Amino acid sequence: MTPELSQKLAAAVDRMPAFPRSVQQILQLTRDVNSSPKDLVRVIDHDPVVTVKILRVVNSAYYSLPKQITSINHAVVYMGFNSLKNLALSIAAIGMLPKDNLAGFDAHEYLLHSLTTANIAKMLAPRVGNVDPTDCFIAGLLHDFGKVVFAQFMPKEFREALMMSEWSETSLHLALRQIIGTDHAVVGAMLVEKWRFAAPLVETIRHQFGDDLLDTEMIACVFAANQISKKLKFGSGGNPKVEELPPPIAKRLGGSLDEVIASLGDLDRMYEEAKVFSSS
């Protein structure tokens, strides 16, 4: 990257909003083995925006609960600690997306892709061993957030890259490198670093594809989840090209992309759940 591009990206990242304090506290709870559902309820109760959205999701027709849930305390009983925690993180990420952008980037389709990638990455985590499913969920949720930065602050160039990727059926990161001089993984890593996420998550965002792909447990889960979400057309991150699993990732997950998809069973319910989350 040229010094001018580095400065431009740094300025764009600085203009992105900070991750909400309540979500930072939720992330801290996920890393504390002694944290309890009561701790989670206390944090969420102090954020009225997240509270209202969680209750809206929990009370949606999708869950068909026998009675209306009126408090986060009741929500954690019905949904469970981990599900409520991941829902709160998803709602926070959704809340940071701009309502519209000049790049013509479809935020709703992007959300569906990010949410399904997050959930599939979490499902794959037990297969690779030494990685936390929640960490994989967060990495999957945020893996494409660099695109949001481009859509917001470099819309003309990002739109050109989206069109090039679609017309030439090439990966979006290659089109971005050609038009902007770098890709969404670089700026996404800068953003999650600004948000003070743990180093393995920053590494996963930065080295998630192409020549920069690293062989780690978390990257294996996120890379595969991303390809599965694209192949099954669960939303869209603006990149239509589906890639086969590289040998190190296939080895970690025990098979080819199609074999891994077959082993996961029916993912339609998970996709429907993502639709509920993204529209709340």
Protein backbone atom coordinates (compact mmCIF):
# COMPACT_ATOMS: atom_id res chain seq x y z
CA MET A 1 0.00 0.00 0.00
CA THR A 2 1.06 3.55 -0.70
CA PRO A 3 1.39 5.95 2.25
CA GLU A 4 -1.57 7.90 0.83
CA LEU A 5 -3.79 4.80 0.81
CA SER A 6 -2.70 3.86 4.33
CA GLN A 7 -3.67 7.31 5.56
CA LYS A 8 -7.01 7.16 3.75
CA LEU A 9 -7.86 3.77 5.27
CA ALA A 10 -6.82 4.88 8.75
CA ALA A 11 -9.05 7.96 8.44
CA ALA A 12 -12.00 5.81 7.31
CA VAL A 13 -11.53 3.39 10.21
CA ASP A 14 -11.34 6.29 12.66
CA ARG A 15 -14.70 7.54 11.40
CA MET A 16 -16.42 4.22 12.16
CA PRO A 17 -18.35 4.22 15.44
CA ALA A 18 -16.92 2.50 18.50
CA PHE A 19 -18.28 -0.92 19.39
CA PRO A 20 -20.97 -0.36 22.06
CA ARG A 21 -19.71 -0.55 25.65
CA SER A 22 -22.33 -3.14 26.57
CA VAL A 23 -21.03 -5.45 23.83
CA GLN A 24 -17.44 -5.01 25.01
CA GLN A 25 -18.65 -6.09 28.44
CA ILE A 26 -20.45 -9.10 26.96
CA LEU A 27 -17.22 -10.09 25.20
CA GLN A 28 -15.37 -9.84 28.51
CA LEU A 29 -17.96 -12.15 30.07
CA THR A 30 -17.43 -14.71 27.31
CA ARG A 31 -13.75 -14.92 28.27
CA ASP A 32 -14.49 -15.29 31.99
CA VAL A 33 -15.12 -18.91 32.95
CA ASN A 34 -16.72 -17.73 36.20
CA SER A 35 -19.33 -15.50 34.51
CA SER A 36 -22.97 -16.43 34.99
CA PRO A 37 -26.26 -15.79 33.18
CA LYS A 38 -27.02 -13.25 35.91
CA ASP A 39 -23.94 -11.24 34.88
CA LEU A 40 -25.09 -11.24 31.25
CA VAL A 41 -28.60 -10.14 32.20
CA ARG A 42 -27.16 -7.25 34.23
CA VAL A 43 -25.09 -5.97 31.29
CA ILE A 44 -27.89 -6.23 28.72
CA ASP A 45 -30.42 -4.60 31.06
CA HIS A 46 -28.23 -1.48 31.08
CA ASP A 47 -28.52 -1.15 27.27
CA PRO A 48 -32.16 -0.32 26.42
CA VAL A 49 -31.63 -0.53 22.64
CA VAL A 50 -30.21 -4.07 22.77
CA THR A 51 -32.84 -5.06 25.35
CA VAL A 52 -35.75 -3.97 23.15
CA LYS A 53 -34.36 -5.72 20.08
CA ILE A 54 -33.67 -8.97 21.93
CA LEU A 55 -37.20 -9.06 23.31
CA ARG A 56 -38.57 -8.34 19.81
CA VAL A 57 -36.64 -11.30 18.39
CA VAL A 58 -37.51 -13.67 21.23
CA ASN A 59 -41.21 -12.79 20.96
CA SER A 60 -41.31 -13.17 17.17
CA ALA A 61 -43.54 -15.78 15.56
CA TYR A 62 -40.40 -17.75 14.65
CA TYR A 63 -39.88 -18.92 18.24
CA SER A 64 -43.59 -19.54 18.94
CA LEU A 65 -43.14 -19.33 22.71
CA PRO A 66 -46.21 -20.15 24.84
CA LYS A 67 -46.23 -16.71 26.49
CA GLN A 68 -44.71 -13.29 25.91
CA ILE A 69 -41.21 -12.73 27.29
CA THR A 70 -41.05 -9.38 29.05
CA SER A 71 -37.54 -9.34 30.52
CA ILE A 72 -33.96 -10.32 29.66
CA ASN A 73 -34.01 -12.56 32.74
CA HIS A 74 -36.85 -14.58 31.19
CA ALA A 75 -35.14 -14.51 27.78
CA VAL A 76 -32.00 -16.17 29.11
CA VAL A 77 -34.14 -18.96 30.61
CA TYR A 78 -35.83 -19.69 27.29
CA MET A 79 -32.87 -19.14 24.95
CA GLY A 80 -29.90 -20.18 27.06
CA PHE A 81 -26.77 -18.24 27.99
CA ASN A 82 -24.80 -18.78 24.77
CA SER A 83 -27.71 -18.13 22.40
CA LEU A 84 -28.60 -14.89 24.16
CA LYS A 85 -24.97 -13.78 24.19
CA ASN A 86 -24.58 -14.38 20.46
CA LEU A 87 -27.89 -12.67 19.77
CA ALA A 88 -26.71 -9.58 21.68
CA LEU A 89 -23.46 -9.52 19.66
CA SER A 90 -25.39 -9.89 16.40
CA ILE A 91 -27.76 -7.06 17.29
CA ALA A 92 -24.81 -4.81 18.14
CA ALA A 93 -23.14 -5.51 14.79
CA ILE A 94 -26.43 -4.92 12.96
CA GLY A 95 -26.90 -1.64 14.80
CA MET A 96 -23.56 -0.33 13.52
CA LEU A 97 -24.48 -0.70 9.85
CA PRO A 98 -25.37 2.50 7.99
CA LYS A 99 -28.96 2.70 6.77
CA ASP A 100 -27.83 3.20 3.17
CA ASN A 101 -24.67 3.74 1.13
CA LEU A 102 -23.73 5.23 -2.21
CA ALA A 103 -22.03 2.02 -3.33
CA GLY A 104 -25.33 0.21 -3.77
CA PHE A 105 -24.12 -2.46 -1.33
CA ASP A 106 -27.13 -4.47 -0.09
CA ALA A 107 -26.90 -4.26 3.72
CA HIS A 108 -29.72 -6.75 4.32
CA GLU A 109 -28.18 -9.44 2.12
CA TYR A 110 -24.81 -8.70 3.74
CA LEU A 111 -26.35 -9.25 7.18
CA LEU A 112 -27.86 -12.57 6.18
CA HIS A 113 -24.49 -13.71 4.86
CA SER A 114 -22.64 -12.56 7.99
CA LEU A 115 -25.13 -14.11 10.41
CA THR A 116 -25.17 -17.47 8.62
CA THR A 117 -21.39 -17.49 8.31
CA ALA A 118 -21.16 -16.81 12.05
CA ASN A 119 -23.51 -19.64 12.97
CA ILE A 120 -21.89 -22.15 10.61
CA ALA A 121 -18.42 -21.23 11.93
CA LYS A 122 -19.70 -21.88 15.45
CA MET A 123 -21.08 -25.27 14.35
CA LEU A 124 -17.71 -26.23 12.80
CA ALA A 125 -15.63 -25.23 15.83
CA PRO A 126 -15.91 -28.57 17.72
CA ARG A 127 -14.43 -30.36 14.69
CA VAL A 128 -11.10 -28.56 14.78
CA GLY A 129 -10.33 -28.85 18.49
CA ASN A 130 -8.64 -26.00 20.28
CA VAL A 131 -10.91 -23.05 19.46
CA ASP A 132 -13.85 -21.46 21.25
CA PRO A 133 -17.17 -21.66 19.33
CA THR A 134 -18.11 -18.13 20.44
CA ASP A 135 -14.81 -16.78 19.08
CA CYS A 136 -15.59 -18.47 15.75
CA PHE A 137 -19.09 -16.96 15.82
CA ILE A 138 -17.70 -13.45 16.36
CA ALA A 139 -15.05 -13.90 13.65
CA GLY A 140 -17.70 -15.12 11.21
CA LEU A 141 -20.00 -12.24 12.13
CA LEU A 142 -17.28 -9.64 11.53
CA HIS A 143 -15.27 -11.29 8.75
CA ASP A 144 -16.64 -8.96 6.05
CA PHE A 145 -16.98 -5.76 8.07
CA GLY A 146 -14.21 -4.15 6.03
CA LYS A 147 -16.71 -4.03 3.16
CA VAL A 148 -18.90 -1.78 5.30
CA VAL A 149 -15.98 0.65 5.66
CA PHE A 150 -15.47 0.71 1.89
CA ALA A 151 -19.20 1.09 1.19
CA GLN A 152 -19.40 4.01 3.58
CA PHE A 153 -16.20 5.92 2.86
CA MET A 154 -14.98 4.76 -0.57
CA PRO A 155 -18.33 4.05 -2.28
CA LYS A 156 -17.34 4.79 -5.88
CA GLU A 157 -14.31 2.47 -5.83
CA PHE A 158 -16.20 -0.21 -3.91
CA ARG A 159 -19.06 -0.17 -6.41
CA GLU A 160 -16.57 -0.61 -9.27
CA ALA A 161 -15.02 -3.59 -7.49
CA LEU A 162 -18.44 -5.17 -6.87
CA MET A 163 -19.29 -4.84 -10.57
CA MET A 164 -15.92 -6.23 -11.65
CA SER A 165 -16.30 -9.21 -9.33
CA GLU A 166 -19.76 -9.97 -10.69
CA TRP A 167 -18.94 -9.51 -14.36
CA SER A 168 -15.66 -11.39 -14.37
CA GLU A 169 -16.74 -13.99 -11.76
CA THR A 170 -13.58 -13.29 -9.82
CA SER A 171 -13.16 -13.03 -6.05
CA LEU A 172 -14.06 -9.63 -4.67
CA HIS A 173 -10.79 -9.27 -2.77
CA LEU A 174 -8.87 -9.48 -6.08
CA ALA A 175 -11.09 -6.83 -7.65
CA LEU A 176 -10.61 -4.59 -4.60
CA ARG A 177 -6.84 -4.98 -4.79
CA GLN A 178 -6.92 -3.97 -8.44
CA ILE A 179 -9.19 -0.94 -8.01
CA ILE A 180 -8.40 0.33 -4.49
CA GLY A 181 -4.97 -1.17 -3.89
CA THR A 182 -5.98 -3.35 -0.95
CA ASP A 183 -8.89 -5.55 0.14
CA HIS A 184 -11.57 -5.67 2.83
CA ALA A 185 -9.56 -8.08 5.00
CA VAL A 186 -6.89 -5.43 5.56
CA VAL A 187 -9.30 -2.65 6.52
CA GLY A 188 -11.49 -5.10 8.48
CA ALA A 189 -8.49 -6.14 10.57
CA MET A 190 -7.67 -2.47 11.19
CA LEU A 191 -11.23 -1.95 12.40
CA VAL A 192 -11.42 -4.90 14.82
CA GLU A 193 -7.99 -3.90 16.13
CA LYS A 194 -9.40 -0.42 16.81
CA TRP A 195 -12.27 -2.11 18.63
CA ARG A 196 -9.66 -3.93 20.77
CA PHE A 197 -10.65 -7.46 19.88
CA ALA A 198 -8.24 -10.27 20.77
CA ALA A 199 -5.23 -10.88 18.50
CA PRO A 200 -6.48 -14.26 17.12
CA LEU A 201 -9.66 -12.59 15.84
CA VAL A 202 -7.69 -9.76 14.22
CA GLU A 203 -5.44 -12.41 12.64
CA THR A 204 -8.46 -14.34 11.35
CA ILE A 205 -9.97 -11.27 9.68
CA ARG A 206 -6.61 -10.25 8.17
CA HIS A 207 -5.57 -13.67 6.84
CA GLN A 208 -8.88 -15.23 5.81
CA PHE A 209 -8.27 -15.85 2.09
CA GLY A 210 -5.94 -15.93 -0.90
CA ASP A 211 -2.19 -15.64 -0.63
CA ASP A 212 -2.53 -14.44 2.98
CA LEU A 213 -4.54 -17.46 4.18
CA LEU A 214 -3.15 -18.94 7.39
CA ASP A 215 -3.61 -22.47 8.69
CA THR A 216 -5.32 -21.96 12.06
CA GLU A 217 -8.36 -23.53 13.69
CA MET A 218 -10.42 -20.34 13.64
CA ILE A 219 -9.54 -19.47 10.04
CA ALA A 220 -10.50 -23.00 8.96
CA CYS A 221 -13.95 -22.57 10.51
CA VAL A 222 -14.54 -19.07 9.13
CA PHE A 223 -13.19 -19.81 5.64
CA ALA A 224 -15.35 -22.94 5.32
CA ALA A 225 -18.42 -21.22 6.80
CA ASN A 226 -18.01 -18.35 4.35
CA GLN A 227 -17.88 -20.71 1.35
CA ILE A 228 -20.84 -22.75 2.63
CA SER A 229 -22.94 -19.62 3.11
CA LYS A 230 -22.06 -18.47 -0.42
CA LYS A 231 -22.71 -21.85 -2.01
CA LEU A 232 -26.11 -22.20 -0.34
CA LYS A 233 -26.92 -18.56 -1.23
CA PHE A 234 -27.57 -17.55 2.37
CA GLY A 235 -27.55 -13.81 1.73
CA SER A 236 -24.66 -12.18 -0.11
CA GLY A 237 -21.50 -10.36 0.82
CA GLY A 238 -21.10 -9.09 -2.73
CA ASN A 239 -18.73 -11.89 -3.71
CA PRO A 240 -20.40 -14.66 -5.75
CA LYS A 241 -17.31 -16.83 -6.26
CA VAL A 242 -17.29 -20.03 -4.17
CA GLU A 243 -13.89 -21.57 -3.47
CA GLU A 244 -13.04 -25.18 -2.66
CA LEU A 245 -11.46 -25.84 0.72
CA PRO A 246 -7.64 -25.72 0.57
CA PRO A 247 -6.01 -29.04 1.64
CA PRO A 248 -5.05 -27.86 5.19
CA ILE A 249 -8.62 -26.71 5.89
CA ALA A 250 -10.16 -29.83 4.33
CA LYS A 251 -7.88 -31.90 6.56
CA ARG A 252 -8.95 -30.01 9.69
CA LEU A 253 -12.65 -30.35 8.84
CA GLY A 254 -12.52 -33.90 7.52
CA GLY A 255 -13.54 -33.49 3.91
CA SER A 256 -14.23 -31.37 0.84
CA LEU A 257 -16.64 -28.45 0.81
CA ASP A 258 -19.53 -30.63 -0.39
CA GLU A 259 -18.73 -33.31 2.19
CA VAL A 260 -18.68 -30.76 5.00
CA ILE A 261 -22.01 -29.31 3.81
CA ALA A 262 -23.56 -32.79 3.71
CA SER A 263 -22.34 -33.52 7.23
CA LEU A 264 -24.04 -30.42 8.64
CA GLY A 265 -27.53 -31.59 7.73
CA ASP A 266 -30.43 -29.25 7.01
CA LEU A 267 -29.35 -25.62 7.54
CA ASP A 268 -32.65 -24.06 6.45
CA ARG A 269 -33.82 -23.44 10.03
CA MET A 270 -30.59 -21.60 10.79
CA TYR A 271 -31.15 -19.44 7.69
CA GLU A 272 -34.71 -18.66 8.78
CA GLU A 273 -33.39 -17.65 12.19
CA ALA A 274 -30.89 -15.31 10.52
CA LYS A 275 -33.78 -13.71 8.62
CA VAL A 276 -35.55 -13.04 11.92
CA PHE A 277 -32.42 -11.46 13.43
CA SER A 278 -31.65 -9.32 10.39
CA SER A 279 -35.15 -7.85 10.17
CA SER A 280 -35.48 -7.00 13.87
